[in-house]
Amino acid sequence: MMIIELSDRDFCGARYGKTYHHLILTYILASRWDEGVLLLLLAFYLKVVFFPSFFFFFLLYFFFRDALGVYQLASLLMELDPSDEASRILCADALYQMGWVEEAHKLLSLALSRNPQRSPILARLALLQLKKGFMYDGNQLLKKVIKIGDTSCLLPIMDIFKDEDRKLMQTHCRSRALSILKNKREDADIKEAIAYLSFAIIASGGYAEDCLLIRAQCYGHLGQKKTAIFDFNAVLKEDPGNVHALSGRGLIYLALKQQKVSLLICW
């Protein structure tokens, strides 16, 4: 289970908007009940949430803690402020979890029309397109996320995606990365493949052995040796005897040692 650390900035922002509403609803939608109620109590203690909101969320937590309850509250927030993008995304997430994919797609498409460069919206739409079998459209949306450079946007929504859809995202992104590496070997292509592999690793829950090994090799090819070692170590942490990871890391260490020796000679 992923942990979202809340900073003072989160709470300060909540004093002037609906940040605390969105955070609590996101926890509830992701079935992270304990974190949700702790955030609610802390927000009340800090006087970020006052009694009417506290009572409403208390009822939601104990009696309506499901996607429908989140949808109803997020819809209310959206009606109060039609420009509230975060509430619109929460509505879409709740609709998705209830199986209303088309309705979720319409909400996200509307949000995207207002802000075409929002990675969290693009990533969600990509998932829905892949789920509906529109692989080309889904891939084009993923390419937009890669172009923006925000591959980490998948992290906070993995708890929302269903297992079969995360697997679908993982399989598609892995396949796309392998296709790129098979046909193109320029640095720009390798960087794009790394982005797809990162999506696949995130969709897997953080550990996909083959994707980590391939990504490590890509980093090594680009000269990012320490980053490559990080991926090899991630594999070895789960499988200490993995031959590919051991040999790959050994070659990287050898290259780093030779580089160090060369620098000493030049010095």
C-alpha atoms as a PDB file:
ATOM      1  CA  MET A   1       0.000   0.000   0.000  1.00  0.00           C
ATOM      2  CA  MET A   2       1.401   3.380  -0.966  1.00  0.00           C
ATOM      3  CA  ILE A   3       1.691   6.121   1.629  1.00  0.00           C
ATOM      4  CA  ILE A   4       1.049   9.771   0.820  1.00  0.00           C
ATOM      5  CA  GLU A   5       2.924  12.089   3.159  1.00  0.00           C
ATOM      6  CA  LEU A   6       1.031  15.229   4.045  1.00  0.00           C
ATOM      7  CA  SER A   7       3.020  18.402   4.493  1.00  0.00           C
ATOM      8  CA  ASP A   8       2.111  21.650   6.224  1.00  0.00           C
ATOM      9  CA  ARG A   9       1.625  23.053   2.743  1.00  0.00           C
ATOM     10  CA  ASP A  10      -1.246  20.608   2.145  1.00  0.00           C
ATOM     11  CA  PHE A  11      -3.088  21.846   5.217  1.00  0.00           C
ATOM     12  CA  CYS A  12      -2.327  25.498   4.571  1.00  0.00           C
ATOM     13  CA  GLY A  13      -3.805  25.119   1.122  1.00  0.00           C
ATOM     14  CA  ALA A  14      -6.840  23.454   2.626  1.00  0.00           C
ATOM     15  CA  ARG A  15      -7.602  26.581   4.643  1.00  0.00           C
ATOM     16  CA  TYR A  16      -8.329  28.451   1.434  1.00  0.00           C
ATOM     17  CA  GLY A  17      -9.874  25.690  -0.691  1.00  0.00           C
ATOM     18  CA  LYS A  18     -11.087  22.112  -0.665  1.00  0.00           C
ATOM     19  CA  THR A  19      -7.785  20.270  -0.406  1.00  0.00           C
ATOM     20  CA  TYR A  20      -8.771  18.386   2.743  1.00  0.00           C
ATOM     21  CA  HIS A  21     -12.066  17.281   1.143  1.00  0.00           C
ATOM     22  CA  HIS A  22     -10.210  15.843  -1.839  1.00  0.00           C
ATOM     23  CA  LEU A  23      -7.559  14.098   0.253  1.00  0.00           C
ATOM     24  CA  ILE A  24     -10.099  12.472   2.577  1.00  0.00           C
ATOM     25  CA  LEU A  25     -12.290  11.383  -0.337  1.00  0.00           C
ATOM     26  CA  THR A  26      -9.291   9.922  -2.144  1.00  0.00           C
ATOM     27  CA  TYR A  27      -8.373   7.854   0.916  1.00  0.00           C
ATOM     28  CA  ILE A  28     -11.948   6.591   1.251  1.00  0.00           C
ATOM     29  CA  LEU A  29     -12.200   5.749  -2.460  1.00  0.00           C
ATOM     30  CA  ALA A  30      -8.932   3.799  -2.234  1.00  0.00           C
ATOM     31  CA  SER A  31     -10.249   1.895   0.845  1.00  0.00           C
ATOM     32  CA  ARG A  32      -7.546   3.438   3.031  1.00  0.00           C
ATOM     33  CA  TRP A  33      -9.942   3.870   5.956  1.00  0.00           C
ATOM     34  CA  ASP A  34      -7.436   4.356   8.784  1.00  0.00           C
ATOM     35  CA  GLU A  35      -5.504   7.043   6.931  1.00  0.00           C
ATOM     36  CA  GLY A  36      -8.743   8.749   5.970  1.00  0.00           C
ATOM     37  CA  VAL A  37     -10.093   9.002   9.481  1.00  0.00           C
ATOM     38  CA  LEU A  38      -6.710  10.091  10.890  1.00  0.00           C
ATOM     39  CA  LEU A  39      -6.576  12.875   8.319  1.00  0.00           C
ATOM     40  CA  LEU A  40     -10.129  13.895   9.225  1.00  0.00           C
ATOM     41  CA  LEU A  41      -9.358  14.025  12.957  1.00  0.00           C
ATOM     42  CA  LEU A  42      -6.107  15.897  12.381  1.00  0.00           C
ATOM     43  CA  ALA A  43      -7.802  18.421  10.094  1.00  0.00           C
ATOM     44  CA  PHE A  44     -10.508  18.990  12.729  1.00  0.00           C
ATOM     45  CA  TYR A  45      -7.866  19.409  15.448  1.00  0.00           C
ATOM     46  CA  LEU A  46      -5.985  21.966  13.346  1.00  0.00           C
ATOM     47  CA  LYS A  47      -9.293  23.767  12.671  1.00  0.00           C
ATOM     48  CA  VAL A  48      -8.966  23.157   8.944  1.00  0.00           C
ATOM     49  CA  VAL A  49     -12.288  21.290   9.044  1.00  0.00           C
ATOM     50  CA  PHE A  50     -15.054  22.783  11.165  1.00  0.00           C
ATOM     51  CA  PHE A  51     -17.895  20.889  12.804  1.00  0.00           C
ATOM     52  CA  PRO A  52     -20.457  20.736   9.932  1.00  0.00           C
ATOM     53  CA  SER A  53     -17.876  19.309   7.523  1.00  0.00           C
ATOM     54  CA  PHE A  54     -16.433  17.097  10.258  1.00  0.00           C
ATOM     55  CA  PHE A  55     -19.862  15.634  11.011  1.00  0.00           C
ATOM     56  CA  PHE A  56     -20.582  15.105   7.308  1.00  0.00           C
ATOM     57  CA  PHE A  57     -17.301  13.287   6.710  1.00  0.00           C
ATOM     58  CA  PHE A  58     -17.798  11.312   9.919  1.00  0.00           C
ATOM     59  CA  LEU A  59     -21.108   9.997   8.585  1.00  0.00           C
ATOM     60  CA  LEU A  60     -19.522   9.293   5.206  1.00  0.00           C
ATOM     61  CA  TYR A  61     -16.690   7.340   6.819  1.00  0.00           C
ATOM     62  CA  PHE A  62     -18.844   5.155   9.044  1.00  0.00           C
ATOM     63  CA  PHE A  63     -22.001   4.708   6.959  1.00  0.00           C
ATOM     64  CA  PHE A  64     -21.345   5.524   3.274  1.00  0.00           C
ATOM     65  CA  ARG A  65     -17.697   4.621   2.781  1.00  0.00           C
ATOM     66  CA  ASP A  66     -18.005   3.368  -0.766  1.00  0.00           C
ATOM     67  CA  ALA A  67     -17.659   4.721  -4.298  1.00  0.00           C
ATOM     68  CA  LEU A  68     -21.282   5.907  -4.349  1.00  0.00           C
ATOM     69  CA  GLY A  69     -20.808   7.968  -1.186  1.00  0.00           C
ATOM     70  CA  VAL A  70     -17.639   9.525  -2.579  1.00  0.00           C
ATOM     71  CA  TYR A  71     -19.410  10.263  -5.867  1.00  0.00           C
ATOM     72  CA  GLN A  72     -22.299  12.004  -4.116  1.00  0.00           C
ATOM     73  CA  LEU A  73     -20.040  14.225  -2.016  1.00  0.00           C
ATOM     74  CA  ALA A  74     -17.659  15.003  -4.899  1.00  0.00           C
ATOM     75  CA  SER A  75     -20.666  15.877  -7.073  1.00  0.00           C
ATOM     76  CA  LEU A  76     -21.866  18.284  -4.389  1.00  0.00           C
ATOM     77  CA  LEU A  77     -18.445  19.947  -4.277  1.00  0.00           C
ATOM     78  CA  MET A  78     -18.454  20.177  -8.069  1.00  0.00           C
ATOM     79  CA  GLU A  79     -21.889  21.814  -8.071  1.00  0.00           C
ATOM     80  CA  LEU A  80     -20.700  24.376  -5.551  1.00  0.00           C
ATOM     81  CA  ASP A  81     -17.703  25.160  -7.756  1.00  0.00           C
ATOM     82  CA  PRO A  82     -18.005  23.976 -11.406  1.00  0.00           C
ATOM     83  CA  SER A  83     -14.362  24.940 -12.006  1.00  0.00           C
ATOM     84  CA  ASP A  84     -13.167  22.546  -9.279  1.00  0.00           C
ATOM     85  CA  GLU A  85     -11.066  20.113 -11.310  1.00  0.00           C
ATOM     86  CA  ALA A  86     -10.084  17.899  -8.379  1.00  0.00           C
ATOM     87  CA  SER A  87     -13.747  17.192  -7.534  1.00  0.00           C
ATOM     88  CA  ARG A  88     -14.427  16.357 -11.182  1.00  0.00           C
ATOM     89  CA  ILE A  89     -11.555  13.847 -11.159  1.00  0.00           C
ATOM     90  CA  LEU A  90     -12.871  12.320  -7.915  1.00  0.00           C
ATOM     91  CA  CYS A  91     -16.310  11.963  -9.508  1.00  0.00           C
ATOM     92  CA  ALA A  92     -14.725  10.204 -12.474  1.00  0.00           C
ATOM     93  CA  ASP A  93     -12.753   7.867 -10.183  1.00  0.00           C
ATOM     94  CA  ALA A  94     -15.906   6.969  -8.263  1.00  0.00           C
ATOM     95  CA  LEU A  95     -17.831   6.339 -11.498  1.00  0.00           C
ATOM     96  CA  TYR A  96     -14.996   4.123 -12.730  1.00  0.00           C
ATOM     97  CA  GLN A  97     -15.057   2.069  -9.532  1.00  0.00           C
ATOM     98  CA  MET A  98     -18.822   1.640  -9.857  1.00  0.00           C
ATOM     99  CA  GLY A  99     -18.340   0.344 -13.413  1.00  0.00           C
ATOM    100  CA  TRP A 100     -19.758   3.413 -15.176  1.00  0.00           C
ATOM    101  CA  VAL A 101     -16.860   3.734 -17.580  1.00  0.00           C
ATOM    102  CA  GLU A 102     -18.594   5.852 -20.236  1.00  0.00           C
ATOM    103  CA  GLU A 103     -19.776   8.400 -17.679  1.00  0.00           C
ATOM    104  CA  ALA A 104     -16.272   8.585 -16.192  1.00  0.00           C
ATOM    105  CA  HIS A 105     -14.845   9.076 -19.685  1.00  0.00           C
ATOM    106  CA  LYS A 106     -17.225  11.976 -20.386  1.00  0.00           C
ATOM    107  CA  LEU A 107     -16.284  13.755 -17.153  1.00  0.00           C
ATOM    108  CA  LEU A 108     -12.571  13.350 -17.793  1.00  0.00           C
ATOM    109  CA  SER A 109     -12.898  14.464 -21.414  1.00  0.00           C
ATOM    110  CA  LEU A 110     -14.638  17.629 -20.258  1.00  0.00           C
ATOM    111  CA  ALA A 111     -11.900  18.268 -17.699  1.00  0.00           C
ATOM    112  CA  LEU A 112      -9.247  17.695 -20.374  1.00  0.00           C
ATOM    113  CA  SER A 113     -10.892  20.161 -22.745  1.00  0.00           C
ATOM    114  CA  ARG A 114     -10.394  22.828 -20.071  1.00  0.00           C
ATOM    115  CA  ASN A 115      -6.813  21.827 -19.292  1.00  0.00           C
ATOM    116  CA  PRO A 116      -5.220  19.746 -22.099  1.00  0.00           C
ATOM    117  CA  GLN A 117      -1.865  19.362 -20.330  1.00  0.00           C
ATOM    118  CA  ARG A 118      -3.052  17.765 -17.069  1.00  0.00           C
ATOM    119  CA  SER A 119      -1.169  14.481 -16.698  1.00  0.00           C
ATOM    120  CA  PRO A 120      -3.502  12.920 -14.071  1.00  0.00           C
ATOM    121  CA  ILE A 121      -6.453  13.379 -16.459  1.00  0.00           C
ATOM    122  CA  LEU A 122      -4.509  12.097 -19.465  1.00  0.00           C
ATOM    123  CA  ALA A 123      -3.372   8.999 -17.544  1.00  0.00           C
ATOM    124  CA  ARG A 124      -6.909   8.165 -16.430  1.00  0.00           C
ATOM    125  CA  LEU A 125      -8.276   8.636 -19.947  1.00  0.00           C
ATOM    126  CA  ALA A 126      -5.503   6.411 -21.299  1.00  0.00           C
ATOM    127  CA  LEU A 127      -6.542   3.643 -18.924  1.00  0.00           C
ATOM    128  CA  LEU A 128     -10.199   3.949 -19.942  1.00  0.00           C
ATOM    129  CA  GLN A 129      -9.281   3.841 -23.636  1.00  0.00           C
ATOM    130  CA  LEU A 130      -7.162   0.724 -23.108  1.00  0.00           C
ATOM    131  CA  LYS A 131      -9.984  -0.830 -21.098  1.00  0.00           C
ATOM    132  CA  LYS A 132     -12.405  -0.213 -23.965  1.00  0.00           C
ATOM    133  CA  GLY A 133      -9.973  -1.772 -26.438  1.00  0.00           C
ATOM    134  CA  PHE A 134      -8.902   1.459 -28.127  1.00  0.00           C
ATOM    135  CA  MET A 135      -5.185   0.736 -27.945  1.00  0.00           C
ATOM    136  CA  TYR A 136      -4.078   3.415 -30.400  1.00  0.00           C
ATOM    137  CA  ASP A 137      -6.042   6.181 -28.635  1.00  0.00           C
ATOM    138  CA  GLY A 138      -4.838   5.021 -25.240  1.00  0.00           C
ATOM    139  CA  ASN A 139      -1.245   4.985 -26.423  1.00  0.00           C
ATOM    140  CA  GLN A 140      -1.523   8.501 -27.874  1.00  0.00           C
ATOM    141  CA  LEU A 141      -2.668   9.755 -24.474  1.00  0.00           C
ATOM    142  CA  LEU A 142       0.246   8.007 -22.778  1.00  0.00           C
ATOM    143  CA  LYS A 143       2.636   9.616 -25.265  1.00  0.00           C
ATOM    144  CA  LYS A 144       1.259  13.012 -24.263  1.00  0.00           C
ATOM    145  CA  VAL A 145       1.996  12.229 -20.608  1.00  0.00           C
ATOM    146  CA  ILE A 146       5.530  11.195 -21.561  1.00  0.00           C
ATOM    147  CA  LYS A 147       5.987  14.389 -23.565  1.00  0.00           C
ATOM    148  CA  ILE A 148       4.886  16.444 -20.562  1.00  0.00           C
ATOM    149  CA  GLY A 149       7.443  14.525 -18.494  1.00  0.00           C
ATOM    150  CA  ASP A 150       5.219  13.562 -15.572  1.00  0.00           C
ATOM    151  CA  THR A 151       5.411   9.757 -15.525  1.00  0.00           C
ATOM    152  CA  SER A 152       4.922   9.797 -11.740  1.00  0.00           C
ATOM    153  CA  CYS A 153       1.295  10.911 -12.187  1.00  0.00           C
ATOM    154  CA  LEU A 154       0.274   7.234 -12.099  1.00  0.00           C
ATOM    155  CA  LEU A 155       1.525   6.757  -8.539  1.00  0.00           C
ATOM    156  CA  PRO A 156      -1.379   8.349  -6.617  1.00  0.00           C
ATOM    157  CA  ILE A 157      -4.074   6.651  -8.715  1.00  0.00           C
ATOM    158  CA  MET A 158      -2.845   3.052  -8.595  1.00  0.00           C
ATOM    159  CA  ASP A 159      -5.036   2.388  -5.562  1.00  0.00           C
ATOM    160  CA  ILE A 160      -8.024   3.502  -7.638  1.00  0.00           C
ATOM    161  CA  PHE A 161      -7.380   1.274 -10.660  1.00  0.00           C
ATOM    162  CA  LYS A 162      -8.749  -2.253 -10.566  1.00  0.00           C
ATOM    163  CA  ASP A 163      -6.280  -5.153 -10.649  1.00  0.00           C
ATOM    164  CA  GLU A 164      -7.193  -6.278 -14.150  1.00  0.00           C
ATOM    165  CA  ASP A 165      -6.835  -2.735 -15.494  1.00  0.00           C
ATOM    166  CA  ARG A 166      -3.452  -2.234 -13.839  1.00  0.00           C
ATOM    167  CA  LYS A 167      -2.362  -5.487 -15.463  1.00  0.00           C
ATOM    168  CA  LEU A 168      -3.671  -4.237 -18.810  1.00  0.00           C
ATOM    169  CA  MET A 169      -1.691  -1.006 -18.422  1.00  0.00           C
ATOM    170  CA  GLN A 170       1.429  -2.939 -17.413  1.00  0.00           C
ATOM    171  CA  THR A 171       1.212  -5.323 -20.374  1.00  0.00           C
ATOM    172  CA  HIS A 172       0.569  -2.555 -22.895  1.00  0.00           C
ATOM    173  CA  CYS A 173       3.420  -0.346 -21.660  1.00  0.00           C
ATOM    174  CA  ARG A 174       5.893  -3.225 -21.522  1.00  0.00           C
ATOM    175  CA  SER A 175       4.960  -4.287 -25.039  1.00  0.00           C
ATOM    176  CA  ARG A 176       5.280  -0.723 -26.304  1.00  0.00           C
ATOM    177  CA  ALA A 177       8.724  -0.315 -24.740  1.00  0.00           C
ATOM    178  CA  LEU A 178       9.996  -3.552 -26.278  1.00  0.00           C
ATOM    179  CA  SER A 179       8.655  -2.503 -29.677  1.00  0.00           C
ATOM    180  CA  ILE A 180      10.502   0.820 -29.474  1.00  0.00           C
ATOM    181  CA  LEU A 181      13.760  -0.833 -28.429  1.00  0.00           C
ATOM    182  CA  LYS A 182      13.474  -3.421 -31.202  1.00  0.00           C
ATOM    183  CA  ASN A 183      13.066  -0.900 -34.000  1.00  0.00           C
ATOM    184  CA  LYS A 184      14.912   2.224 -32.792  1.00  0.00           C
ATOM    185  CA  ARG A 185      18.089   2.766 -30.801  1.00  0.00           C
ATOM    186  CA  GLU A 186      18.547   6.533 -30.685  1.00  0.00           C
ATOM    187  CA  ASP A 187      18.834   8.170 -27.264  1.00  0.00           C
ATOM    188  CA  ALA A 188      15.419   9.840 -27.642  1.00  0.00           C
ATOM    189  CA  ASP A 189      13.831   6.457 -28.397  1.00  0.00           C
ATOM    190  CA  ILE A 190      15.509   4.831 -25.404  1.00  0.00           C
ATOM    191  CA  LYS A 191      14.235   7.633 -23.155  1.00  0.00           C
ATOM    192  CA  GLU A 192      10.706   7.031 -24.463  1.00  0.00           C
ATOM    193  CA  ALA A 193      11.094   3.303 -23.790  1.00  0.00           C
ATOM    194  CA  ILE A 194      12.239   4.097 -20.239  1.00  0.00           C
ATOM    195  CA  ALA A 195       9.078   6.143 -19.699  1.00  0.00           C
ATOM    196  CA  TYR A 196       6.879   3.233 -20.842  1.00  0.00           C
ATOM    197  CA  LEU A 197       8.832   0.820 -18.643  1.00  0.00           C
ATOM    198  CA  SER A 198       8.334   3.191 -15.709  1.00  0.00           C
ATOM    199  CA  PHE A 199       4.581   3.138 -16.352  1.00  0.00           C
ATOM    200  CA  ALA A 200       4.666  -0.659 -16.432  1.00  0.00           C
ATOM    201  CA  ILE A 201       6.616  -0.844 -13.160  1.00  0.00           C
ATOM    202  CA  ILE A 202       4.247   1.567 -11.422  1.00  0.00           C
ATOM    203  CA  ALA A 203       1.218  -0.359 -12.738  1.00  0.00           C
ATOM    204  CA  SER A 204       2.713  -3.594 -11.385  1.00  0.00           C
ATOM    205  CA  GLY A 205       2.767  -2.138  -7.900  1.00  0.00           C
ATOM    206  CA  GLY A 206       6.438  -1.191  -7.948  1.00  0.00           C
ATOM    207  CA  TYR A 207       8.106  -4.473  -8.874  1.00  0.00           C
ATOM    208  CA  ALA A 208       8.236  -6.013 -12.350  1.00  0.00           C
ATOM    209  CA  GLU A 209      11.480  -7.948 -12.688  1.00  0.00           C
ATOM    210  CA  ASP A 210      11.768  -7.993 -16.470  1.00  0.00           C
ATOM    211  CA  CYS A 211      10.865  -4.302 -16.799  1.00  0.00           C
ATOM    212  CA  LEU A 212      13.384  -3.311 -14.126  1.00  0.00           C
ATOM    213  CA  LEU A 213      16.138  -5.291 -15.857  1.00  0.00           C
ATOM    214  CA  ILE A 214      15.370  -3.783 -19.261  1.00  0.00           C
ATOM    215  CA  ARG A 215      15.138  -0.275 -17.807  1.00  0.00           C
ATOM    216  CA  ALA A 216      18.483  -0.750 -16.045  1.00  0.00           C
ATOM    217  CA  GLN A 217      20.093  -1.682 -19.362  1.00  0.00           C
ATOM    218  CA  CYS A 218      18.541   1.401 -20.966  1.00  0.00           C
ATOM    219  CA  TYR A 219      19.927   3.642 -18.231  1.00  0.00           C
ATOM    220  CA  GLY A 220      23.323   2.030 -18.688  1.00  0.00           C
ATOM    221  CA  HIS A 221      23.208   2.705 -22.427  1.00  0.00           C
ATOM    222  CA  LEU A 222      22.474   6.380 -21.729  1.00  0.00           C
ATOM    223  CA  GLY A 223      25.385   6.581 -19.322  1.00  0.00           C
ATOM    224  CA  GLN A 224      23.179   6.883 -16.228  1.00  0.00           C
ATOM    225  CA  LYS A 225      25.089   4.130 -14.458  1.00  0.00           C
ATOM    226  CA  LYS A 226      24.090   4.894 -10.873  1.00  0.00           C
ATOM    227  CA  THR A 227      20.410   4.881 -11.845  1.00  0.00           C
ATOM    228  CA  ALA A 228      20.969   1.547 -13.587  1.00  0.00           C
ATOM    229  CA  ILE A 229      22.500   0.139 -10.388  1.00  0.00           C
ATOM    230  CA  PHE A 230      19.409   1.282  -8.476  1.00  0.00           C
ATOM    231  CA  ASP A 231      17.173  -0.841 -10.750  1.00  0.00           C
ATOM    232  CA  PHE A 232      19.499  -3.844 -10.567  1.00  0.00           C
ATOM    233  CA  ASN A 233      19.493  -3.544  -6.768  1.00  0.00           C
ATOM    234  CA  ALA A 234      15.674  -3.441  -6.756  1.00  0.00           C
ATOM    235  CA  VAL A 235      15.651  -6.812  -8.520  1.00  0.00           C
ATOM    236  CA  LEU A 236      18.342  -8.278  -6.251  1.00  0.00           C
ATOM    237  CA  LYS A 237      16.422  -7.168  -3.171  1.00  0.00           C
ATOM    238  CA  GLU A 238      13.590  -9.509  -4.180  1.00  0.00           C
ATOM    239  CA  ASP A 239      15.780 -12.157  -5.836  1.00  0.00           C
ATOM    240  CA  PRO A 240      19.364 -12.050  -4.488  1.00  0.00           C
ATOM    241  CA  GLY A 241      20.533 -14.754  -6.868  1.00  0.00           C
ATOM    242  CA  ASN A 242      19.188 -13.226 -10.077  1.00  0.00           C
ATOM    243  CA  VAL A 243      21.929 -13.875 -12.641  1.00  0.00           C
ATOM    244  CA  HIS A 244      20.920 -11.094 -15.035  1.00  0.00           C
ATOM    245  CA  ALA A 245      20.863  -8.482 -12.288  1.00  0.00           C
ATOM    246  CA  LEU A 246      24.164  -9.657 -10.797  1.00  0.00           C
ATOM    247  CA  SER A 247      25.970  -9.685 -14.145  1.00  0.00           C
ATOM    248  CA  GLY A 248      24.438  -6.376 -15.229  1.00  0.00           C
ATOM    249  CA  ARG A 249      25.383  -4.661 -11.986  1.00  0.00           C
ATOM    250  CA  GLY A 250      28.862  -6.169 -12.181  1.00  0.00           C
ATOM    251  CA  LEU A 251      29.401  -4.721 -15.653  1.00  0.00           C
ATOM    252  CA  ILE A 252      28.224  -1.309 -14.468  1.00  0.00           C
ATOM    253  CA  TYR A 253      30.593  -1.416 -11.468  1.00  0.00           C
ATOM    254  CA  LEU A 254      33.426  -2.411 -13.804  1.00  0.00           C
ATOM    255  CA  ALA A 255      32.654   0.507 -16.120  1.00  0.00           C
ATOM    256  CA  LEU A 256      32.548   2.919 -13.181  1.00  0.00           C
ATOM    257  CA  LYS A 257      35.875   1.579 -11.876  1.00  0.00           C
ATOM    258  CA  GLN A 258      37.528   1.983 -15.282  1.00  0.00           C
ATOM    259  CA  GLN A 259      36.121   5.494 -15.541  1.00  0.00           C
ATOM    260  CA  LYS A 260      37.551   6.332 -12.126  1.00  0.00           C
ATOM    261  CA  VAL A 261      40.969   4.944 -13.104  1.00  0.00           C
ATOM    262  CA  SER A 262      40.916   6.977 -16.341  1.00  0.00           C
ATOM    263  CA  LEU A 263      40.170  10.158 -14.389  1.00  0.00           C
ATOM    264  CA  LEU A 264      43.058   9.439 -11.996  1.00  0.00           C
ATOM    265  CA  ILE A 265      45.437   8.940 -14.943  1.00  0.00           C
ATOM    266  CA  CYS A 266      44.305  12.212 -16.518  1.00  0.00           C
ATOM    267  CA  TRP A 267      44.719  13.954 -13.178  1.00  0.00           C
END
